């Protein structure tokens, strides 16, 4: 009987290790094979292994070193774009209006991403509260949906649990986050 290959990837290996350690610390004996599969699935934000399997894996399988393509050359940072997007935030670091350009929207989402607590499962209400604290135009739904669509926020299929996706911001996003924090003093 052939086995189904289920891709497994974790956005943050440190969070994965911490989650596994925490789950193993509560046990008196070594877990069985199935219990270990469930632990790995839970460490990536799934309810259990069956949930991971139903979704076709944690994410697209990470490329192996043998198949990884060389990294493209770093693009120069566009400081003019960072300045334009920073203009959409007030002196308290809150987004005052939703940018019209998609590129500016994507960059502005990183500031909201930085406000979300790392490595914590949040309810929809907690996510909405964090987003509402970071903007003034009254549409937390578009911001929450945009964070999910941009891959900065992950949610369960039923929308009950959310987790900030841990990944390094782009150079422009990091510059914008730093600039908005400096504005907010």
N, C-alpha and C. Protein backbone atom coordinates (compact mmCIF):
# COMPACT_ATOMS: atom_id res chain seq x y z
N UNK A 1 0.85 -1.18 0.00
CA UNK A 1 0.00 0.00 0.00
C UNK A 1 0.89 1.24 0.00
N UNK A 2 0.68 2.14 -0.94
CA UNK A 2 1.50 3.35 -0.98
C UNK A 2 0.95 4.38 0.00
N UNK A 3 1.84 5.20 0.52
CA UNK A 3 1.44 6.22 1.47
C UNK A 3 1.24 7.54 0.74
N UNK A 4 0.29 8.30 1.22
CA UNK A 4 0.02 9.62 0.68
C UNK A 4 1.07 10.58 1.25
N UNK A 5 1.73 11.32 0.39
CA UNK A 5 2.71 12.31 0.84
C UNK A 5 1.97 13.58 1.23
N UNK A 6 2.16 14.01 2.44
CA UNK A 6 1.51 15.23 2.93
C UNK A 6 2.60 16.24 3.23
N UNK A 7 2.63 17.35 2.50
CA UNK A 7 3.69 18.34 2.73
C UNK A 7 3.57 18.94 4.12
N UNK A 8 4.70 19.22 4.72
CA UNK A 8 4.75 19.81 6.05
C UNK A 8 5.76 20.94 6.02
N UNK A 9 5.31 22.13 6.40
CA UNK A 9 6.20 23.29 6.47
C UNK A 9 5.78 24.13 7.66
N UNK A 10 6.73 24.75 8.29
CA UNK A 10 6.46 25.64 9.41
C UNK A 10 7.07 26.99 9.08
N UNK A 11 6.29 28.04 9.27
CA UNK A 11 6.78 29.38 8.97
C UNK A 11 7.88 29.80 9.94
N UNK A 12 7.85 29.28 11.16
CA UNK A 12 8.83 29.66 12.17
C UNK A 12 9.28 28.41 12.92
N UNK A 13 10.49 27.96 12.68
CA UNK A 13 11.00 26.73 13.28
C UNK A 13 11.12 26.88 14.80
N UNK A 14 11.40 28.08 15.27
CA UNK A 14 11.50 28.31 16.71
C UNK A 14 10.14 28.12 17.39
N UNK A 15 9.09 28.65 16.79
CA UNK A 15 7.75 28.48 17.34
C UNK A 15 7.34 27.00 17.29
N UNK A 16 7.72 26.30 16.23
CA UNK A 16 7.42 24.88 16.12
C UNK A 16 8.10 24.11 17.26
N UNK A 17 9.38 24.39 17.48
CA UNK A 17 10.12 23.70 18.54
C UNK A 17 9.53 24.00 19.92
N UNK A 18 9.18 25.27 20.14
CA UNK A 18 8.61 25.66 21.42
C UNK A 18 7.27 24.96 21.67
N UNK A 19 6.44 24.89 20.62
CA UNK A 19 5.15 24.22 20.75
C UNK A 19 5.32 22.73 21.03
N UNK A 20 6.21 22.09 20.29
CA UNK A 20 6.45 20.66 20.52
C UNK A 20 6.99 20.40 21.93
N UNK A 21 7.92 21.23 22.36
CA UNK A 21 8.48 21.07 23.71
C UNK A 21 7.39 21.20 24.76
N UNK A 22 6.53 22.22 24.61
CA UNK A 22 5.44 22.41 25.56
C UNK A 22 4.49 21.23 25.60
N UNK A 23 4.17 20.68 24.43
CA UNK A 23 3.28 19.53 24.37
C UNK A 23 3.93 18.30 24.99
N UNK A 24 5.24 18.11 24.75
CA UNK A 24 5.94 16.95 25.30
C UNK A 24 6.14 17.06 26.81
N UNK A 25 6.28 18.28 27.31
CA UNK A 25 6.49 18.48 28.75
C UNK A 25 5.28 18.04 29.57
N UNK A 26 4.09 18.08 29.00
CA UNK A 26 2.89 17.72 29.73
C UNK A 26 2.67 16.21 29.78
N UNK A 27 3.49 15.46 29.07
CA UNK A 27 3.32 14.00 28.97
C UNK A 27 4.23 13.28 29.94
N UNK A 28 3.77 12.12 30.36
CA UNK A 28 4.58 11.27 31.25
C UNK A 28 5.35 10.23 30.45
N UNK A 29 4.88 9.90 29.25
CA UNK A 29 5.53 8.88 28.42
C UNK A 29 5.69 9.43 27.01
N UNK A 30 6.53 8.75 26.24
CA UNK A 30 6.71 9.15 24.84
C UNK A 30 5.41 8.99 24.08
N UNK A 31 5.12 9.91 23.15
CA UNK A 31 3.88 9.79 22.39
C UNK A 31 3.96 8.67 21.35
N UNK A 32 2.80 8.16 20.99
CA UNK A 32 2.73 7.17 19.91
C UNK A 32 2.93 7.89 18.58
N UNK A 33 3.02 7.13 17.52
CA UNK A 33 3.19 7.69 16.18
C UNK A 33 2.05 8.67 15.86
N UNK A 34 0.82 8.27 16.08
CA UNK A 34 -0.34 9.12 15.77
C UNK A 34 -0.36 10.35 16.67
N UNK A 35 -0.02 10.19 17.95
CA UNK A 35 0.02 11.34 18.85
C UNK A 35 1.09 12.33 18.40
N UNK A 36 2.22 11.83 17.92
CA UNK A 36 3.28 12.71 17.44
C UNK A 36 2.83 13.46 16.19
N UNK A 37 2.12 12.78 15.29
CA UNK A 37 1.57 13.46 14.11
C UNK A 37 0.63 14.59 14.53
N UNK A 38 -0.21 14.32 15.51
CA UNK A 38 -1.13 15.35 16.00
C UNK A 38 -0.38 16.52 16.62
N UNK A 39 0.70 16.23 17.36
CA UNK A 39 1.49 17.31 17.95
C UNK A 39 2.13 18.19 16.88
N UNK A 40 2.69 17.56 15.86
CA UNK A 40 3.29 18.33 14.76
C UNK A 40 2.23 19.20 14.08
N UNK A 41 1.07 18.64 13.84
CA UNK A 41 -0.01 19.40 13.19
C UNK A 41 -0.43 20.58 14.07
N UNK A 42 -0.60 20.35 15.37
CA UNK A 42 -1.00 21.44 16.27
C UNK A 42 0.07 22.53 16.33
N UNK A 43 1.32 22.16 16.22
CA UNK A 43 2.41 23.13 16.27
C UNK A 43 2.39 24.08 15.07
N UNK A 44 1.72 23.70 14.00
CA UNK A 44 1.61 24.57 12.83
C UNK A 44 0.23 25.21 12.72
N UNK A 45 -0.56 25.14 13.82
CA UNK A 45 -1.84 25.84 13.85
C UNK A 45 -3.04 25.03 13.43
N UNK A 46 -2.90 23.74 13.23
CA UNK A 46 -4.03 22.89 12.86
C UNK A 46 -4.59 22.23 14.11
N UNK A 47 -5.84 21.78 14.04
CA UNK A 47 -6.47 21.13 15.19
C UNK A 47 -5.82 19.79 15.49
N UNK A 48 -5.54 19.02 14.44
CA UNK A 48 -4.94 17.70 14.58
C UNK A 48 -4.41 17.28 13.21
N UNK A 49 -3.87 16.08 13.13
CA UNK A 49 -3.29 15.60 11.89
C UNK A 49 -4.33 15.50 10.77
N UNK A 50 -5.53 15.07 11.11
CA UNK A 50 -6.58 14.94 10.08
C UNK A 50 -6.92 16.31 9.48
N UNK A 51 -6.90 17.34 10.31
CA UNK A 51 -7.16 18.70 9.83
C UNK A 51 -6.05 19.13 8.87
N UNK A 52 -4.80 18.85 9.24
CA UNK A 52 -3.66 19.15 8.38
C UNK A 52 -3.79 18.40 7.05
N UNK A 53 -4.12 17.14 7.13
CA UNK A 53 -4.26 16.29 5.95
C UNK A 53 -5.38 16.79 5.04
N UNK A 54 -6.50 17.19 5.64
CA UNK A 54 -7.63 17.68 4.85
C UNK A 54 -7.29 18.95 4.09
N UNK A 55 -6.38 19.73 4.64
CA UNK A 55 -5.99 20.97 3.97
C UNK A 55 -4.82 20.78 3.02
N UNK A 56 -4.37 19.55 2.88
CA UNK A 56 -3.29 19.27 1.93
C UNK A 56 -1.92 19.65 2.43
N UNK A 57 -1.73 19.75 3.73
CA UNK A 57 -0.43 20.07 4.29
C UNK A 57 -0.43 21.43 4.93
N UNK A 58 0.60 21.71 5.71
CA UNK A 58 0.70 22.98 6.42
C UNK A 58 0.84 24.15 5.47
N UNK A 59 1.53 23.94 4.40
CA UNK A 59 1.75 24.96 3.37
C UNK A 59 2.43 24.23 2.23
N UNK A 60 2.75 24.96 1.22
CA UNK A 60 3.51 24.33 0.14
C UNK A 60 4.82 23.83 0.71
N UNK A 61 5.21 22.67 0.29
CA UNK A 61 6.44 22.09 0.82
C UNK A 61 7.62 23.01 0.53
N UNK A 62 8.46 23.19 1.53
CA UNK A 62 9.63 24.03 1.34
C UNK A 62 10.59 23.33 0.39
N UNK A 63 11.23 24.07 -0.48
CA UNK A 63 12.15 23.43 -1.41
C UNK A 63 13.35 22.86 -0.67
N UNK A 64 13.83 21.75 -1.13
CA UNK A 64 15.01 21.16 -0.54
C UNK A 64 16.23 21.89 -1.06
N UNK A 65 17.36 21.83 -0.35
CA UNK A 65 18.55 22.54 -0.82
C UNK A 65 18.95 22.16 -2.24
N UNK A 66 18.71 20.91 -2.64
CA UNK A 66 19.10 20.47 -3.97
C UNK A 66 18.21 21.10 -5.05
N UNK A 67 16.94 21.44 -4.71
CA UNK A 67 16.04 22.00 -5.71
C UNK A 67 15.87 23.50 -5.59
N UNK A 68 16.44 24.08 -4.55
CA UNK A 68 16.26 25.52 -4.32
C UNK A 68 16.99 26.31 -5.40
N UNK A 69 16.31 27.29 -5.96
CA UNK A 69 16.93 28.15 -6.96
C UNK A 69 17.76 29.20 -6.26
N UNK A 70 18.77 29.73 -6.91
CA UNK A 70 19.56 30.79 -6.28
C UNK A 70 18.68 32.01 -6.01
N UNK A 71 18.97 32.68 -4.92
CA UNK A 71 18.18 33.85 -4.55
C UNK A 71 18.38 34.95 -5.59
N UNK A 72 17.28 35.63 -5.95
CA UNK A 72 17.43 36.73 -6.90
C UNK A 72 18.19 37.87 -6.23
N UNK A 73 18.83 38.71 -7.02
CA UNK A 73 19.56 39.82 -6.42
C UNK A 73 18.59 40.74 -5.67
N UNK A 74 19.06 41.29 -4.57
CA UNK A 74 18.21 42.16 -3.75
C UNK A 74 17.82 43.40 -4.55
N UNK A 75 16.53 43.74 -4.45
CA UNK A 75 16.06 44.93 -5.14
C UNK A 75 16.35 46.15 -4.26
N UNK A 76 16.64 47.28 -4.88
CA UNK A 76 16.88 48.47 -4.07
C UNK A 76 15.58 48.91 -3.39
N UNK A 77 15.71 49.46 -2.19
CA UNK A 77 14.54 49.89 -1.45
C UNK A 77 14.04 51.21 -2.03
N UNK A 78 12.73 51.31 -2.18
CA UNK A 78 12.10 52.52 -2.71
C UNK A 78 11.67 53.40 -1.54
N UNK A 79 12.54 54.32 -1.14
CA UNK A 79 12.24 55.18 0.01
C UNK A 79 11.10 56.15 -0.28
N UNK A 80 10.90 56.50 -1.54
CA UNK A 80 9.79 57.39 -1.89
C UNK A 80 8.46 56.70 -1.61
N UNK A 81 8.37 55.41 -1.92
CA UNK A 81 7.14 54.66 -1.64
C UNK A 81 6.94 54.55 -0.13
N UNK A 82 8.00 54.29 0.61
CA UNK A 82 7.91 54.21 2.07
C UNK A 82 7.37 55.54 2.62
N UNK A 83 7.87 56.66 2.11
CA UNK A 83 7.40 57.97 2.56
C UNK A 83 5.93 58.18 2.21
N UNK A 84 5.53 57.80 1.00
CA UNK A 84 4.12 57.95 0.61
C UNK A 84 3.20 57.14 1.51
N UNK A 85 3.59 55.89 1.77
CA UNK A 85 2.74 55.03 2.60
C UNK A 85 2.75 55.52 4.04
N UNK A 86 3.85 56.05 4.52
CA UNK A 86 3.91 56.59 5.89
C UNK A 86 2.92 57.75 6.05
N UNK A 87 2.62 58.43 4.97
CA UNK A 87 1.63 59.52 5.01
C UNK A 87 0.22 59.04 5.29
N UNK A 88 -0.03 57.74 5.20
CA UNK A 88 -1.35 57.19 5.51
C UNK A 88 -1.51 56.89 7.00
N UNK A 89 -0.47 57.20 7.81
CA UNK A 89 -0.51 56.95 9.24
C UNK A 89 -0.40 58.27 10.00
N UNK A 90 -1.12 58.38 11.13
CA UNK A 90 -1.08 59.60 11.93
C UNK A 90 0.11 59.57 12.90
N UNK A 91 0.20 60.60 13.75
CA UNK A 91 1.33 60.72 14.67
C UNK A 91 1.29 59.66 15.77
N UNK A 92 0.16 58.97 15.92
CA UNK A 92 0.06 57.88 16.90
C UNK A 92 0.32 56.52 16.26
N UNK A 93 0.66 56.51 14.97
CA UNK A 93 0.97 55.26 14.27
C UNK A 93 -0.26 54.51 13.79
N UNK A 94 -1.41 55.19 13.69
CA UNK A 94 -2.64 54.55 13.23
C UNK A 94 -2.89 54.90 11.76
N UNK A 95 -3.37 53.93 11.01
CA UNK A 95 -3.69 54.15 9.60
C UNK A 95 -4.95 55.02 9.53
N UNK A 96 -4.84 56.16 8.86
CA UNK A 96 -5.99 57.07 8.79
C UNK A 96 -6.85 56.85 7.56
N UNK A 97 -6.29 56.25 6.54
CA UNK A 97 -7.06 55.95 5.32
C UNK A 97 -6.43 54.75 4.63
N UNK A 98 -7.25 54.03 3.91
CA UNK A 98 -6.82 52.84 3.17
C UNK A 98 -6.21 53.33 1.87
N UNK A 99 -4.94 53.03 1.59
CA UNK A 99 -4.31 53.51 0.35
C UNK A 99 -5.04 53.00 -0.89
N UNK A 100 -5.01 53.79 -1.93
CA UNK A 100 -5.67 53.42 -3.17
C UNK A 100 -4.88 52.42 -4.00
N UNK A 101 -3.56 52.50 -3.94
CA UNK A 101 -2.72 51.59 -4.72
C UNK A 101 -2.51 50.28 -3.98
N UNK A 102 -2.63 49.19 -4.71
CA UNK A 102 -2.47 47.86 -4.11
C UNK A 102 -1.11 47.71 -3.46
N UNK A 103 -0.07 48.17 -4.11
CA UNK A 103 1.30 48.08 -3.57
C UNK A 103 1.39 48.82 -2.24
N UNK A 104 0.75 49.97 -2.12
CA UNK A 104 0.77 50.74 -0.88
C UNK A 104 -0.06 50.05 0.20
N UNK A 105 -1.16 49.44 -0.20
CA UNK A 105 -1.98 48.68 0.75
C UNK A 105 -1.16 47.55 1.36
N UNK A 106 -0.48 46.78 0.48
CA UNK A 106 0.31 45.64 0.95
C UNK A 106 1.41 46.09 1.91
N UNK A 107 2.03 47.20 1.61
CA UNK A 107 3.09 47.71 2.47
C UNK A 107 2.51 48.18 3.81
N UNK A 108 1.38 48.87 3.77
CA UNK A 108 0.74 49.35 5.00
C UNK A 108 0.27 48.24 5.91
N UNK A 109 -0.08 47.08 5.33
CA UNK A 109 -0.51 45.94 6.14
C UNK A 109 0.58 45.45 7.08
N UNK A 110 1.84 45.64 6.68
CA UNK A 110 2.95 45.20 7.53
C UNK A 110 2.94 45.93 8.87
N UNK A 111 2.52 47.19 8.87
CA UNK A 111 2.47 47.95 10.13
C UNK A 111 1.42 47.33 11.05
N UNK A 112 0.28 46.96 10.49
CA UNK A 112 -0.76 46.30 11.28
C UNK A 112 -0.28 44.92 11.74
N UNK A 113 0.42 44.20 10.86
CA UNK A 113 0.99 42.90 11.20
C UNK A 113 1.91 43.02 12.41
N UNK A 114 2.73 44.08 12.43
CA UNK A 114 3.67 44.28 13.53
C UNK A 114 2.96 44.52 14.86
N UNK A 115 1.72 44.99 14.83
CA UNK A 115 0.95 45.25 16.05
C UNK A 115 0.33 43.97 16.62
N UNK A 116 0.21 42.93 15.80
CA UNK A 116 -0.40 41.69 16.27
C UNK A 116 0.59 40.91 17.12
N UNK A 117 0.12 40.28 18.19
CA UNK A 117 1.05 39.50 19.03
C UNK A 117 1.59 38.29 18.27
N UNK A 118 2.87 38.06 18.45
CA UNK A 118 3.54 36.94 17.78
C UNK A 118 3.30 35.64 18.53
N UNK A 119 3.26 34.55 17.77
CA UNK A 119 3.21 33.18 18.32
C UNK A 119 2.07 32.99 19.32
N UNK A 120 0.92 33.56 19.00
CA UNK A 120 -0.25 33.42 19.87
C UNK A 120 -1.48 33.21 19.02
N UNK A 121 -2.35 32.32 19.47
CA UNK A 121 -3.62 32.11 18.78
C UNK A 121 -4.61 33.14 19.30
N UNK A 122 -5.27 33.81 18.36
CA UNK A 122 -6.21 34.88 18.72
C UNK A 122 -7.61 34.53 18.22
N UNK A 123 -8.60 35.03 18.92
CA UNK A 123 -9.97 34.90 18.43
C UNK A 123 -10.22 36.02 17.42
N UNK A 124 -11.32 35.91 16.70
CA UNK A 124 -11.65 36.96 15.72
C UNK A 124 -11.83 38.30 16.43
N UNK A 125 -12.42 38.28 17.61
CA UNK A 125 -12.61 39.52 18.37
C UNK A 125 -11.30 40.16 18.78
N UNK A 126 -10.32 39.34 19.18
CA UNK A 126 -9.01 39.87 19.55
C UNK A 126 -8.29 40.46 18.34
N UNK A 127 -8.42 39.80 17.20
CA UNK A 127 -7.81 40.34 15.97
C UNK A 127 -8.48 41.66 15.61
N UNK A 128 -9.80 41.70 15.67
CA UNK A 128 -10.53 42.93 15.36
C UNK A 128 -10.11 44.06 16.29
N UNK A 129 -9.96 43.77 17.59
CA UNK A 129 -9.54 44.80 18.55
C UNK A 129 -8.15 45.33 18.22
N UNK A 130 -7.23 44.44 17.88
CA UNK A 130 -5.87 44.87 17.53
C UNK A 130 -5.88 45.71 16.25
N UNK A 131 -6.68 45.29 15.28
CA UNK A 131 -6.76 46.05 14.03
C UNK A 131 -7.42 47.39 14.27
N UNK A 132 -8.51 47.43 15.05
CA UNK A 132 -9.20 48.69 15.33
C UNK A 132 -8.30 49.68 16.06
N UNK A 133 -7.39 49.18 16.90
CA UNK A 133 -6.46 50.06 17.60
C UNK A 133 -5.42 50.63 16.64
N UNK A 134 -5.29 50.02 15.46
CA UNK A 134 -4.26 50.45 14.51
C UNK A 134 -4.77 51.23 13.31
N UNK A 135 -6.09 51.53 13.28
CA UNK A 135 -6.60 52.33 12.16
C UNK A 135 -7.76 53.21 12.61
N UNK A 136 -8.11 54.19 11.78
CA UNK A 136 -9.15 55.15 12.15
C UNK A 136 -10.32 55.21 11.18
N UNK A 137 -10.29 54.43 10.10
CA UNK A 137 -11.35 54.58 9.10
C UNK A 137 -12.49 53.60 9.24
N UNK A 138 -12.49 52.78 10.28
CA UNK A 138 -13.66 51.98 10.64
C UNK A 138 -13.98 50.77 9.79
N UNK A 139 -13.01 50.16 9.14
CA UNK A 139 -13.30 48.96 8.35
C UNK A 139 -12.30 47.87 8.69
N UNK A 140 -12.47 47.28 9.89
CA UNK A 140 -11.55 46.23 10.32
C UNK A 140 -11.68 44.98 9.46
N UNK A 141 -12.85 44.76 8.87
CA UNK A 141 -13.07 43.54 8.07
C UNK A 141 -12.17 43.52 6.83
N UNK A 142 -12.07 44.65 6.13
CA UNK A 142 -11.22 44.67 4.93
C UNK A 142 -9.75 44.49 5.32
N UNK A 143 -9.36 45.05 6.46
CA UNK A 143 -7.98 44.92 6.89
C UNK A 143 -7.67 43.48 7.32
N UNK A 144 -8.59 42.85 8.05
CA UNK A 144 -8.39 41.46 8.48
C UNK A 144 -8.32 40.54 7.27
N UNK A 145 -9.23 40.73 6.34
CA UNK A 145 -9.26 39.91 5.12
C UNK A 145 -7.99 40.14 4.29
N UNK A 146 -7.56 41.38 4.20
CA UNK A 146 -6.35 41.70 3.44
C UNK A 146 -5.10 41.11 4.08
N UNK A 147 -5.04 41.12 5.41
CA UNK A 147 -3.91 40.49 6.11
C UNK A 147 -3.87 39.00 5.81
N UNK A 148 -5.03 38.35 5.79
CA UNK A 148 -5.10 36.92 5.46
C UNK A 148 -4.70 36.67 4.01
N UNK A 149 -5.23 37.48 3.10
CA UNK A 149 -4.94 37.30 1.67
C UNK A 149 -3.47 37.56 1.35
N UNK A 150 -2.84 38.44 2.12
CA UNK A 150 -1.42 38.75 1.89
C UNK A 150 -0.51 37.71 2.54
N UNK A 151 -1.08 36.77 3.27
CA UNK A 151 -0.28 35.74 3.92
C UNK A 151 0.39 36.21 5.20
N UNK A 152 -0.12 37.31 5.77
CA UNK A 152 0.45 37.83 7.01
C UNK A 152 -0.32 37.34 8.24
N UNK A 153 -1.52 36.83 8.01
CA UNK A 153 -2.37 36.33 9.08
C UNK A 153 -3.01 35.04 8.60
N UNK A 154 -2.96 34.02 9.42
CA UNK A 154 -3.56 32.73 9.05
C UNK A 154 -4.79 32.51 9.92
N UNK A 155 -5.81 31.90 9.32
CA UNK A 155 -7.01 31.61 10.10
C UNK A 155 -7.46 30.19 9.82
N UNK A 156 -8.18 29.64 10.77
CA UNK A 156 -8.74 28.30 10.58
C UNK A 156 -9.89 28.42 9.59
N UNK A 157 -10.26 27.34 8.93
CA UNK A 157 -11.35 27.42 7.94
C UNK A 157 -12.65 27.97 8.50
N UNK A 158 -12.92 27.72 9.78
CA UNK A 158 -14.15 28.24 10.36
C UNK A 158 -14.01 29.69 10.84
N UNK A 159 -12.81 30.27 10.77
CA UNK A 159 -12.59 31.67 11.12
C UNK A 159 -12.58 31.94 12.62
N UNK A 160 -12.46 30.92 13.43
CA UNK A 160 -12.49 31.12 14.89
C UNK A 160 -11.13 31.47 15.46
N UNK A 161 -10.08 30.95 14.85
CA UNK A 161 -8.74 31.18 15.38
C UNK A 161 -7.84 31.79 14.32
N UNK A 162 -7.04 32.75 14.78
CA UNK A 162 -6.11 33.45 13.91
C UNK A 162 -4.72 33.40 14.52
N UNK A 163 -3.72 33.42 13.66
CA UNK A 163 -2.33 33.49 14.10
C UNK A 163 -1.56 34.38 13.13
N UNK A 164 -0.72 35.23 13.70
CA UNK A 164 0.16 36.04 12.86
C UNK A 164 1.16 35.09 12.22
N UNK A 165 1.37 35.23 10.92
CA UNK A 165 2.34 34.40 10.21
C UNK A 165 3.70 35.04 10.43
N UNK A 166 4.60 34.27 10.99
CA UNK A 166 5.94 34.78 11.31
C UNK A 166 6.83 34.67 10.09
N UNK A 167 7.18 35.79 9.54
CA UNK A 167 8.12 35.84 8.43
C UNK A 167 8.76 37.22 8.44
N UNK A 168 9.96 37.32 7.91
CA UNK A 168 10.63 38.62 7.95
C UNK A 168 9.99 39.60 6.97
N UNK A 169 9.80 40.84 7.42
CA UNK A 169 9.26 41.85 6.51
C UNK A 169 10.26 42.16 5.39
N UNK A 170 9.74 42.64 4.28
CA UNK A 170 10.61 43.10 3.21
C UNK A 170 11.39 44.31 3.73
N UNK A 171 12.40 44.71 3.00
CA UNK A 171 13.21 45.86 3.42
C UNK A 171 12.34 47.12 3.52
N UNK A 172 11.46 47.31 2.53
CA UNK A 172 10.57 48.48 2.56
C UNK A 172 9.60 48.40 3.73
N UNK A 173 9.07 47.20 3.99
CA UNK A 173 8.14 47.04 5.11
C UNK A 173 8.84 47.31 6.44
N UNK A 174 10.05 46.81 6.59
CA UNK A 174 10.80 47.05 7.83
C UNK A 174 11.07 48.55 8.01
N UNK A 175 11.40 49.23 6.93
CA UNK A 175 11.63 50.67 7.00
C UNK A 175 10.35 51.41 7.37
N UNK A 176 9.22 50.98 6.80
CA UNK A 176 7.94 51.63 7.11
C UNK A 176 7.55 51.39 8.57
N UNK A 177 7.70 50.16 9.04
CA UNK A 177 7.37 49.85 10.44
C UNK A 177 8.20 50.73 11.37
N UNK A 178 9.50 50.85 11.10
CA UNK A 178 10.39 51.66 11.92
C UNK A 178 9.98 53.14 11.86
N UNK A 179 9.63 53.60 10.67
CA UNK A 179 9.26 55.02 10.51
C UNK A 179 7.96 55.34 11.24
N UNK A 180 6.97 54.45 11.13
CA UNK A 180 5.69 54.70 11.80
C UNK A 180 5.87 54.64 13.32
N UNK A 181 6.71 53.71 13.80
CA UNK A 181 6.98 53.65 15.24
C UNK A 181 7.68 54.92 15.71
N UNK A 182 8.60 55.44 14.91
CA UNK A 182 9.32 56.67 15.26
C UNK A 182 8.36 57.86 15.28
N UNK A 183 7.41 57.89 14.30
CA UNK A 183 6.40 58.95 14.28
C UNK A 183 5.57 58.93 15.54
N UNK A 184 5.24 57.71 15.99
CA UNK A 184 4.38 57.57 17.17
C UNK A 184 5.16 57.85 18.46
N UNK A 185 6.48 57.88 18.34
CA UNK A 185 7.38 58.22 19.43
C UNK A 185 7.24 57.41 20.61
